[in-house]
Amino acid sequence: MFSGMRVCGDRTVMLLKDEVQMLRRVPLFANVPPTKLKLLAFTSSRVTYGAGDVLFHQGDPGDAAYVILSGKADILADSPGGEIRIAEVEFNSIVGEIAILCDVSRTATVRAGTNMEALRIRKEDFLKLLIDFPEITIEIMKVLADRLSHTTTELTEARSREQHAD
Protein backbone atom coordinates (compact mmCIF):
# COMPACT_ATOMS: atom_id res chain seq x y z
CA MET A 1 0.00 0.00 0.00
CA PHE A 2 1.21 3.53 -0.74
CA SER A 3 2.15 5.86 2.11
CA GLY A 4 -0.73 8.17 3.06
CA MET A 5 -3.42 5.90 1.63
CA ARG A 6 -5.63 3.33 3.27
CA VAL A 7 -8.16 0.71 2.34
CA CYS A 8 -11.30 0.16 4.38
CA GLY A 9 -12.33 -3.38 3.49
CA ASP A 10 -13.82 -3.27 0.02
CA ARG A 11 -14.20 0.50 0.18
CA THR A 12 -12.44 2.96 -2.08
CA VAL A 13 -8.80 3.81 -1.48
CA MET A 14 -8.57 7.43 -0.41
CA LEU A 15 -5.83 9.82 0.55
CA LEU A 16 -5.82 10.56 4.24
CA LYS A 17 -5.29 14.25 3.56
CA ASP A 18 -8.59 14.35 1.64
CA GLU A 19 -10.44 13.03 4.70
CA VAL A 20 -8.66 15.60 6.87
CA GLN A 21 -9.82 18.35 4.48
CA MET A 22 -13.39 17.03 4.67
CA LEU A 23 -13.27 16.96 8.48
CA ARG A 24 -11.92 20.50 8.55
CA ARG A 25 -15.09 21.67 6.72
CA VAL A 26 -17.28 20.29 9.51
CA PRO A 27 -17.89 23.24 11.86
CA LEU A 28 -17.46 20.95 14.86
CA PHE A 29 -13.86 20.17 13.92
CA ALA A 30 -12.84 23.54 12.43
CA ASN A 31 -10.48 24.43 15.29
CA VAL A 32 -8.89 21.01 15.76
CA PRO A 33 -5.21 20.93 14.72
CA PRO A 34 -4.50 19.07 11.44
CA THR A 35 -2.36 16.46 13.21
CA LYS A 36 -5.28 15.48 15.47
CA LEU A 37 -7.68 15.44 12.49
CA LYS A 38 -5.25 13.17 10.66
CA LEU A 39 -5.28 10.75 13.59
CA LEU A 40 -9.07 10.93 13.76
CA ALA A 41 -9.38 10.28 10.02
CA PHE A 42 -6.92 7.38 10.26
CA THR A 43 -8.79 5.70 13.13
CA SER A 44 -12.19 6.29 11.52
CA SER A 45 -13.84 4.28 8.77
CA ARG A 46 -15.18 5.75 5.55
CA VAL A 47 -18.55 4.15 4.85
CA THR A 48 -20.97 4.43 1.94
CA TYR A 49 -24.73 3.97 1.92
CA GLY A 50 -27.31 3.79 -0.82
CA ALA A 51 -30.57 5.72 -0.55
CA GLY A 52 -32.74 3.89 1.98
CA ASP A 53 -29.86 2.13 3.77
CA VAL A 54 -29.96 2.36 7.56
CA LEU A 55 -26.89 3.63 9.45
CA PHE A 56 -28.38 2.50 12.77
CA HIS A 57 -31.76 1.76 14.33
CA GLN A 58 -33.46 3.38 17.30
CA GLY A 59 -32.59 1.25 20.33
CA ASP A 60 -29.23 0.01 18.97
CA PRO A 61 -26.19 0.49 21.21
CA GLY A 62 -24.30 3.75 20.62
CA ASP A 63 -20.95 2.55 19.34
CA ALA A 64 -20.03 5.34 16.90
CA ALA A 65 -20.82 8.81 15.61
CA TYR A 66 -21.05 9.58 11.89
CA VAL A 67 -19.90 12.68 10.05
CA ILE A 68 -21.83 13.01 6.80
CA LEU A 69 -19.36 13.77 4.02
CA SER A 70 -21.85 13.78 1.14
CA GLY A 71 -25.55 13.18 0.68
CA LYS A 72 -28.46 13.49 3.09
CA ALA A 73 -29.93 11.38 5.87
CA ASP A 74 -33.33 11.21 7.53
CA ILE A 75 -33.66 11.09 11.31
CA LEU A 76 -36.63 8.87 12.18
CA ALA A 77 -38.35 8.05 15.48
CA ASP A 78 -40.70 5.20 16.28
CA SER A 79 -44.20 6.14 17.38
CA PRO A 80 -47.44 4.24 17.98
CA GLY A 81 -48.54 5.34 14.50
CA GLY A 82 -45.32 4.21 12.82
CA GLU A 83 -42.06 5.92 11.96
CA ILE A 84 -41.99 9.72 12.07
CA ARG A 85 -39.42 11.76 10.18
CA ILE A 86 -37.96 14.18 12.71
CA ALA A 87 -35.34 15.89 10.59
CA GLU A 88 -33.11 15.76 7.54
CA VAL A 89 -29.36 16.27 7.89
CA GLU A 90 -26.86 17.05 5.16
CA PHE A 91 -23.11 16.96 4.60
CA ASN A 92 -20.88 18.39 7.33
CA SER A 93 -23.39 17.23 9.96
CA ILE A 94 -22.77 14.75 12.74
CA VAL A 95 -25.27 12.09 13.84
CA GLY A 96 -25.16 9.41 16.50
CA GLU A 97 -23.33 11.46 19.10
CA ILE A 98 -26.21 11.55 21.61
CA ALA A 99 -25.99 7.82 22.36
CA ILE A 100 -22.24 8.16 22.87
CA LEU A 101 -22.41 11.25 25.08
CA CYS A 102 -25.31 10.03 27.21
CA ASP A 103 -24.22 6.35 27.19
CA VAL A 104 -27.71 5.28 26.12
CA SER A 105 -29.13 3.33 23.21
CA ARG A 106 -29.82 5.13 19.92
CA THR A 107 -32.60 7.69 20.32
CA ALA A 108 -33.59 7.56 16.65
CA THR A 109 -33.08 5.65 13.43
CA VAL A 110 -30.87 7.26 10.78
CA ARG A 111 -31.53 6.29 7.16
CA ALA A 112 -29.71 7.55 4.09
CA GLY A 113 -32.11 9.78 2.15
CA THR A 114 -29.76 9.81 -0.84
CA ASN A 115 -26.56 8.02 -1.73
CA MET A 116 -24.30 9.01 1.09
CA GLU A 117 -20.72 8.87 2.34
CA ALA A 118 -19.83 9.22 6.00
CA LEU A 119 -16.92 8.92 8.34
CA ARG A 120 -17.69 6.48 11.17
CA ILE A 121 -15.90 7.56 14.37
CA ARG A 122 -15.74 4.91 17.09
CA LYS A 123 -17.04 5.85 20.53
CA GLU A 124 -13.61 5.63 22.18
CA ASP A 125 -11.98 7.88 19.57
CA PHE A 126 -14.81 10.41 19.73
CA LEU A 127 -14.66 10.64 23.53
CA LYS A 128 -10.86 10.99 23.47
CA LEU A 129 -11.19 13.87 21.01
CA LEU A 130 -13.63 15.61 23.39
CA ILE A 131 -11.21 15.21 26.29
CA ASP A 132 -8.29 16.53 24.24
CA PHE A 133 -10.27 19.44 22.76
CA PRO A 134 -12.92 20.78 25.16
CA GLU A 135 -13.90 23.45 22.62
CA ILE A 136 -15.48 20.66 20.54
CA THR A 137 -17.67 19.85 23.53
CA ILE A 138 -18.98 23.43 23.45
CA GLU A 139 -19.75 23.12 19.73
CA ILE A 140 -21.59 19.83 20.35
CA MET A 141 -23.63 21.50 23.09
CA LYS A 142 -24.61 24.20 20.57
CA VAL A 143 -25.66 21.57 18.02
CA LEU A 144 -27.68 19.66 20.63
CA ALA A 145 -29.28 22.85 21.98
CA ASP A 146 -30.29 23.83 18.44
CA ARG A 147 -31.83 20.39 17.87
CA LEU A 148 -33.70 20.59 21.18
CA SER A 149 -35.04 24.04 20.33
CA HIS A 150 -36.17 22.86 16.89
CA THR A 151 -37.82 19.76 18.35
CA THR A 152 -39.57 21.78 21.07
CA THR A 153 -40.94 24.20 18.46
CA GLU A 154 -42.24 21.32 16.32
CA LEU A 155 -43.78 19.57 19.33
CA THR A 156 -45.50 22.79 20.43
CA GLU A 157 -46.90 23.33 16.93
CA ALA A 158 -48.10 19.70 16.72
CA ARG A 159 -49.86 19.91 20.09
CA SER A 160 -51.43 23.21 19.12
CA ARG A 161 -52.81 21.63 15.93
CA GLU A 162 -54.16 18.71 17.98
CA GLN A 163 -55.96 21.05 20.38
CA HIS A 164 -57.51 23.02 17.53
CA ALA A 165 -58.66 19.81 15.83
CA ASP A 166 -60.58 18.66 18.92
C-alpha atoms as a PDB file:
ATOM      1  CA  MET A   1       0.000   0.000   0.000  1.00  0.00           C
ATOM      2  CA  PHE A   2       1.207   3.527  -0.739  1.00  0.00           C
ATOM      3  CA  SER A   3       2.146   5.860   2.107  1.00  0.00           C
ATOM      4  CA  GLY A   4      -0.730   8.170   3.063  1.00  0.00           C
ATOM      5  CA  MET A   5      -3.417   5.900   1.629  1.00  0.00           C
ATOM      6  CA  ARG A   6      -5.629   3.330   3.274  1.00  0.00           C
ATOM      7  CA  VAL A   7      -8.161   0.710   2.339  1.00  0.00           C
ATOM      8  CA  CYS A   8     -11.300   0.159   4.384  1.00  0.00           C
ATOM      9  CA  GLY A   9     -12.334  -3.385   3.489  1.00  0.00           C
ATOM     10  CA  ASP A  10     -13.823  -3.275   0.017  1.00  0.00           C
ATOM     11  CA  ARG A  11     -14.197   0.495   0.180  1.00  0.00           C
ATOM     12  CA  THR A  12     -12.443   2.964  -2.080  1.00  0.00           C
ATOM     13  CA  VAL A  13      -8.800   3.810  -1.483  1.00  0.00           C
ATOM     14  CA  MET A  14      -8.573   7.425  -0.410  1.00  0.00           C
ATOM     15  CA  LEU A  15      -5.834   9.815   0.551  1.00  0.00           C
ATOM     16  CA  LEU A  16      -5.817  10.564   4.241  1.00  0.00           C
ATOM     17  CA  LYS A  17      -5.292  14.250   3.559  1.00  0.00           C
ATOM     18  CA  ASP A  18      -8.590  14.347   1.645  1.00  0.00           C
ATOM     19  CA  GLU A  19     -10.437  13.034   4.696  1.00  0.00           C
ATOM     20  CA  VAL A  20      -8.662  15.603   6.873  1.00  0.00           C
ATOM     21  CA  GLN A  21      -9.820  18.346   4.475  1.00  0.00           C
ATOM     22  CA  MET A  22     -13.391  17.029   4.671  1.00  0.00           C
ATOM     23  CA  LEU A  23     -13.273  16.956   8.482  1.00  0.00           C
ATOM     24  CA  ARG A  24     -11.921  20.503   8.550  1.00  0.00           C
ATOM     25  CA  ARG A  25     -15.092  21.669   6.719  1.00  0.00           C
ATOM     26  CA  VAL A  26     -17.277  20.293   9.507  1.00  0.00           C
ATOM     27  CA  PRO A  27     -17.886  23.238  11.865  1.00  0.00           C
ATOM     28  CA  LEU A  28     -17.465  20.953  14.860  1.00  0.00           C
ATOM     29  CA  PHE A  29     -13.861  20.172  13.918  1.00  0.00           C
ATOM     30  CA  ALA A  30     -12.839  23.535  12.431  1.00  0.00           C
ATOM     31  CA  ASN A  31     -10.479  24.431  15.294  1.00  0.00           C
ATOM     32  CA  VAL A  32      -8.890  21.011  15.759  1.00  0.00           C
ATOM     33  CA  PRO A  33      -5.212  20.928  14.722  1.00  0.00           C
ATOM     34  CA  PRO A  34      -4.499  19.069  11.442  1.00  0.00           C
ATOM     35  CA  THR A  35      -2.356  16.455  13.215  1.00  0.00           C
ATOM     36  CA  LYS A  36      -5.276  15.485  15.469  1.00  0.00           C
ATOM     37  CA  LEU A  37      -7.681  15.436  12.488  1.00  0.00           C
ATOM     38  CA  LYS A  38      -5.249  13.169  10.663  1.00  0.00           C
ATOM     39  CA  LEU A  39      -5.280  10.752  13.595  1.00  0.00           C
ATOM     40  CA  LEU A  40      -9.073  10.934  13.760  1.00  0.00           C
ATOM     41  CA  ALA A  41      -9.376  10.275  10.018  1.00  0.00           C
ATOM     42  CA  PHE A  42      -6.916   7.384  10.262  1.00  0.00           C
ATOM     43  CA  THR A  43      -8.785   5.705  13.134  1.00  0.00           C
ATOM     44  CA  SER A  44     -12.193   6.288  11.522  1.00  0.00           C
ATOM     45  CA  SER A  45     -13.835   4.280   8.775  1.00  0.00           C
ATOM     46  CA  ARG A  46     -15.178   5.752   5.553  1.00  0.00           C
ATOM     47  CA  VAL A  47     -18.552   4.150   4.850  1.00  0.00           C
ATOM     48  CA  THR A  48     -20.968   4.433   1.939  1.00  0.00           C
ATOM     49  CA  TYR A  49     -24.727   3.967   1.924  1.00  0.00           C
ATOM     50  CA  GLY A  50     -27.308   3.786  -0.822  1.00  0.00           C
ATOM     51  CA  ALA A  51     -30.566   5.717  -0.551  1.00  0.00           C
ATOM     52  CA  GLY A  52     -32.742   3.890   1.975  1.00  0.00           C
ATOM     53  CA  ASP A  53     -29.865   2.126   3.768  1.00  0.00           C
ATOM     54  CA  VAL A  54     -29.957   2.361   7.562  1.00  0.00           C
ATOM     55  CA  LEU A  55     -26.894   3.626   9.449  1.00  0.00           C
ATOM     56  CA  PHE A  56     -28.382   2.500  12.765  1.00  0.00           C
ATOM     57  CA  HIS A  57     -31.765   1.758  14.335  1.00  0.00           C
ATOM     58  CA  GLN A  58     -33.460   3.381  17.295  1.00  0.00           C
ATOM     59  CA  GLY A  59     -32.586   1.249  20.335  1.00  0.00           C
ATOM     60  CA  ASP A  60     -29.234   0.009  18.967  1.00  0.00           C
ATOM     61  CA  PRO A  61     -26.187   0.488  21.209  1.00  0.00           C
ATOM     62  CA  GLY A  62     -24.303   3.749  20.624  1.00  0.00           C
ATOM     63  CA  ASP A  63     -20.945   2.553  19.343  1.00  0.00           C
ATOM     64  CA  ALA A  64     -20.026   5.339  16.897  1.00  0.00           C
ATOM     65  CA  ALA A  65     -20.824   8.815  15.614  1.00  0.00           C
ATOM     66  CA  TYR A  66     -21.055   9.577  11.890  1.00  0.00           C
ATOM     67  CA  VAL A  67     -19.898  12.678  10.054  1.00  0.00           C
ATOM     68  CA  ILE A  68     -21.827  13.011   6.800  1.00  0.00           C
ATOM     69  CA  LEU A  69     -19.357  13.771   4.020  1.00  0.00           C
ATOM     70  CA  SER A  70     -21.851  13.775   1.144  1.00  0.00           C
ATOM     71  CA  GLY A  71     -25.547  13.184   0.680  1.00  0.00           C
ATOM     72  CA  LYS A  72     -28.461  13.489   3.090  1.00  0.00           C
ATOM     73  CA  ALA A  73     -29.927  11.376   5.866  1.00  0.00           C
ATOM     74  CA  ASP A  74     -33.331  11.207   7.529  1.00  0.00           C
ATOM     75  CA  ILE A  75     -33.664  11.092  11.305  1.00  0.00           C
ATOM     76  CA  LEU A  76     -36.635   8.873  12.183  1.00  0.00           C
ATOM     77  CA  ALA A  77     -38.352   8.054  15.476  1.00  0.00           C
ATOM     78  CA  ASP A  78     -40.698   5.201  16.284  1.00  0.00           C
ATOM     79  CA  SER A  79     -44.198   6.143  17.378  1.00  0.00           C
ATOM     80  CA  PRO A  80     -47.438   4.237  17.979  1.00  0.00           C
ATOM     81  CA  GLY A  81     -48.541   5.336  14.496  1.00  0.00           C
ATOM     82  CA  GLY A  82     -45.319   4.212  12.825  1.00  0.00           C
ATOM     83  CA  GLU A  83     -42.060   5.921  11.960  1.00  0.00           C
ATOM     84  CA  ILE A  84     -41.993   9.724  12.074  1.00  0.00           C
ATOM     85  CA  ARG A  85     -39.415  11.760  10.176  1.00  0.00           C
ATOM     86  CA  ILE A  86     -37.957  14.181  12.713  1.00  0.00           C
ATOM     87  CA  ALA A  87     -35.339  15.891  10.586  1.00  0.00           C
ATOM     88  CA  GLU A  88     -33.112  15.757   7.541  1.00  0.00           C
ATOM     89  CA  VAL A  89     -29.364  16.271   7.891  1.00  0.00           C
ATOM     90  CA  GLU A  90     -26.855  17.054   5.162  1.00  0.00           C
ATOM     91  CA  PHE A  91     -23.106  16.962   4.596  1.00  0.00           C
ATOM     92  CA  ASN A  92     -20.884  18.389   7.334  1.00  0.00           C
ATOM     93  CA  SER A  93     -23.395  17.232   9.962  1.00  0.00           C
ATOM     94  CA  ILE A  94     -22.767  14.751  12.745  1.00  0.00           C
ATOM     95  CA  VAL A  95     -25.272  12.089  13.842  1.00  0.00           C
ATOM     96  CA  GLY A  96     -25.162   9.414  16.499  1.00  0.00           C
ATOM     97  CA  GLU A  97     -23.331  11.456  19.096  1.00  0.00           C
ATOM     98  CA  ILE A  98     -26.212  11.546  21.613  1.00  0.00           C
ATOM     99  CA  ALA A  99     -25.994   7.818  22.361  1.00  0.00           C
ATOM    100  CA  ILE A 100     -22.244   8.164  22.866  1.00  0.00           C
ATOM    101  CA  LEU A 101     -22.412  11.251  25.081  1.00  0.00           C
ATOM    102  CA  CYS A 102     -25.311  10.029  27.211  1.00  0.00           C
ATOM    103  CA  ASP A 103     -24.221   6.354  27.195  1.00  0.00           C
ATOM    104  CA  VAL A 104     -27.712   5.278  26.121  1.00  0.00           C
ATOM    105  CA  SER A 105     -29.129   3.326  23.209  1.00  0.00           C
ATOM    106  CA  ARG A 106     -29.818   5.131  19.923  1.00  0.00           C
ATOM    107  CA  THR A 107     -32.595   7.695  20.322  1.00  0.00           C
ATOM    108  CA  ALA A 108     -33.594   7.565  16.649  1.00  0.00           C
ATOM    109  CA  THR A 109     -33.076   5.648  13.426  1.00  0.00           C
ATOM    110  CA  VAL A 110     -30.870   7.256  10.782  1.00  0.00           C
ATOM    111  CA  ARG A 111     -31.534   6.294   7.162  1.00  0.00           C
ATOM    112  CA  ALA A 112     -29.711   7.551   4.087  1.00  0.00           C
ATOM    113  CA  GLY A 113     -32.112   9.777   2.155  1.00  0.00           C
ATOM    114  CA  THR A 114     -29.756   9.810  -0.843  1.00  0.00           C
ATOM    115  CA  ASN A 115     -26.556   8.018  -1.730  1.00  0.00           C
ATOM    116  CA  MET A 116     -24.302   9.008   1.095  1.00  0.00           C
ATOM    117  CA  GLU A 117     -20.721   8.866   2.344  1.00  0.00           C
ATOM    118  CA  ALA A 118     -19.826   9.222   5.998  1.00  0.00           C
ATOM    119  CA  LEU A 119     -16.919   8.916   8.337  1.00  0.00           C
ATOM    120  CA  ARG A 120     -17.687   6.485  11.168  1.00  0.00           C
ATOM    121  CA  ILE A 121     -15.903   7.562  14.373  1.00  0.00           C
ATOM    122  CA  ARG A 122     -15.738   4.910  17.087  1.00  0.00           C
ATOM    123  CA  LYS A 123     -17.042   5.852  20.526  1.00  0.00           C
ATOM    124  CA  GLU A 124     -13.607   5.634  22.181  1.00  0.00           C
ATOM    125  CA  ASP A 125     -11.976   7.880  19.566  1.00  0.00           C
ATOM    126  CA  PHE A 126     -14.813  10.411  19.727  1.00  0.00           C
ATOM    127  CA  LEU A 127     -14.661  10.638  23.533  1.00  0.00           C
ATOM    128  CA  LYS A 128     -10.861  10.989  23.475  1.00  0.00           C
ATOM    129  CA  LEU A 129     -11.191  13.873  21.013  1.00  0.00           C
ATOM    130  CA  LEU A 130     -13.627  15.614  23.385  1.00  0.00           C
ATOM    131  CA  ILE A 131     -11.208  15.207  26.287  1.00  0.00           C
ATOM    132  CA  ASP A 132      -8.285  16.528  24.237  1.00  0.00           C
ATOM    133  CA  PHE A 133     -10.274  19.442  22.760  1.00  0.00           C
ATOM    134  CA  PRO A 134     -12.920  20.776  25.157  1.00  0.00           C
ATOM    135  CA  GLU A 135     -13.897  23.449  22.620  1.00  0.00           C
ATOM    136  CA  ILE A 136     -15.475  20.663  20.543  1.00  0.00           C
ATOM    137  CA  THR A 137     -17.671  19.850  23.527  1.00  0.00           C
ATOM    138  CA  ILE A 138     -18.982  23.430  23.449  1.00  0.00           C
ATOM    139  CA  GLU A 139     -19.750  23.117  19.729  1.00  0.00           C
ATOM    140  CA  ILE A 140     -21.589  19.832  20.353  1.00  0.00           C
ATOM    141  CA  MET A 141     -23.628  21.502  23.091  1.00  0.00           C
ATOM    142  CA  LYS A 142     -24.613  24.204  20.567  1.00  0.00           C
ATOM    143  CA  VAL A 143     -25.655  21.568  18.023  1.00  0.00           C
ATOM    144  CA  LEU A 144     -27.679  19.660  20.630  1.00  0.00           C
ATOM    145  CA  ALA A 145     -29.285  22.852  21.981  1.00  0.00           C
ATOM    146  CA  ASP A 146     -30.293  23.829  18.441  1.00  0.00           C
ATOM    147  CA  ARG A 147     -31.829  20.390  17.872  1.00  0.00           C
ATOM    148  CA  LEU A 148     -33.700  20.592  21.180  1.00  0.00           C
ATOM    149  CA  SER A 149     -35.041  24.043  20.334  1.00  0.00           C
ATOM    150  CA  HIS A 150     -36.168  22.864  16.889  1.00  0.00           C
ATOM    151  CA  THR A 151     -37.820  19.756  18.353  1.00  0.00           C
ATOM    152  CA  THR A 152     -39.566  21.783  21.067  1.00  0.00           C
ATOM    153  CA  THR A 153     -40.945  24.196  18.462  1.00  0.00           C
ATOM    154  CA  GLU A 154     -42.242  21.324  16.317  1.00  0.00           C
ATOM    155  CA  LEU A 155     -43.780  19.574  19.333  1.00  0.00           C
ATOM    156  CA  THR A 156     -45.503  22.794  20.434  1.00  0.00           C
ATOM    157  CA  GLU A 157     -46.898  23.327  16.928  1.00  0.00           C
ATOM    158  CA  ALA A 158     -48.104  19.705  16.716  1.00  0.00           C
ATOM    159  CA  ARG A 159     -49.857  19.909  20.087  1.00  0.00           C
ATOM    160  CA  SER A 160     -51.433  23.211  19.118  1.00  0.00           C
ATOM    161  CA  ARG A 161     -52.811  21.631  15.931  1.00  0.00           C
ATOM    162  CA  GLU A 162     -54.163  18.706  17.983  1.00  0.00           C
ATOM    163  CA  GLN A 163     -55.957  21.051  20.382  1.00  0.00           C
ATOM    164  CA  HIS A 164     -57.509  23.018  17.529  1.00  0.00           C
ATOM    165  CA  ALA A 165     -58.656  19.814  15.828  1.00  0.00           C
ATOM    166  CA  ASP A 166     -60.575  18.663  18.923  1.00  0.00           C
END
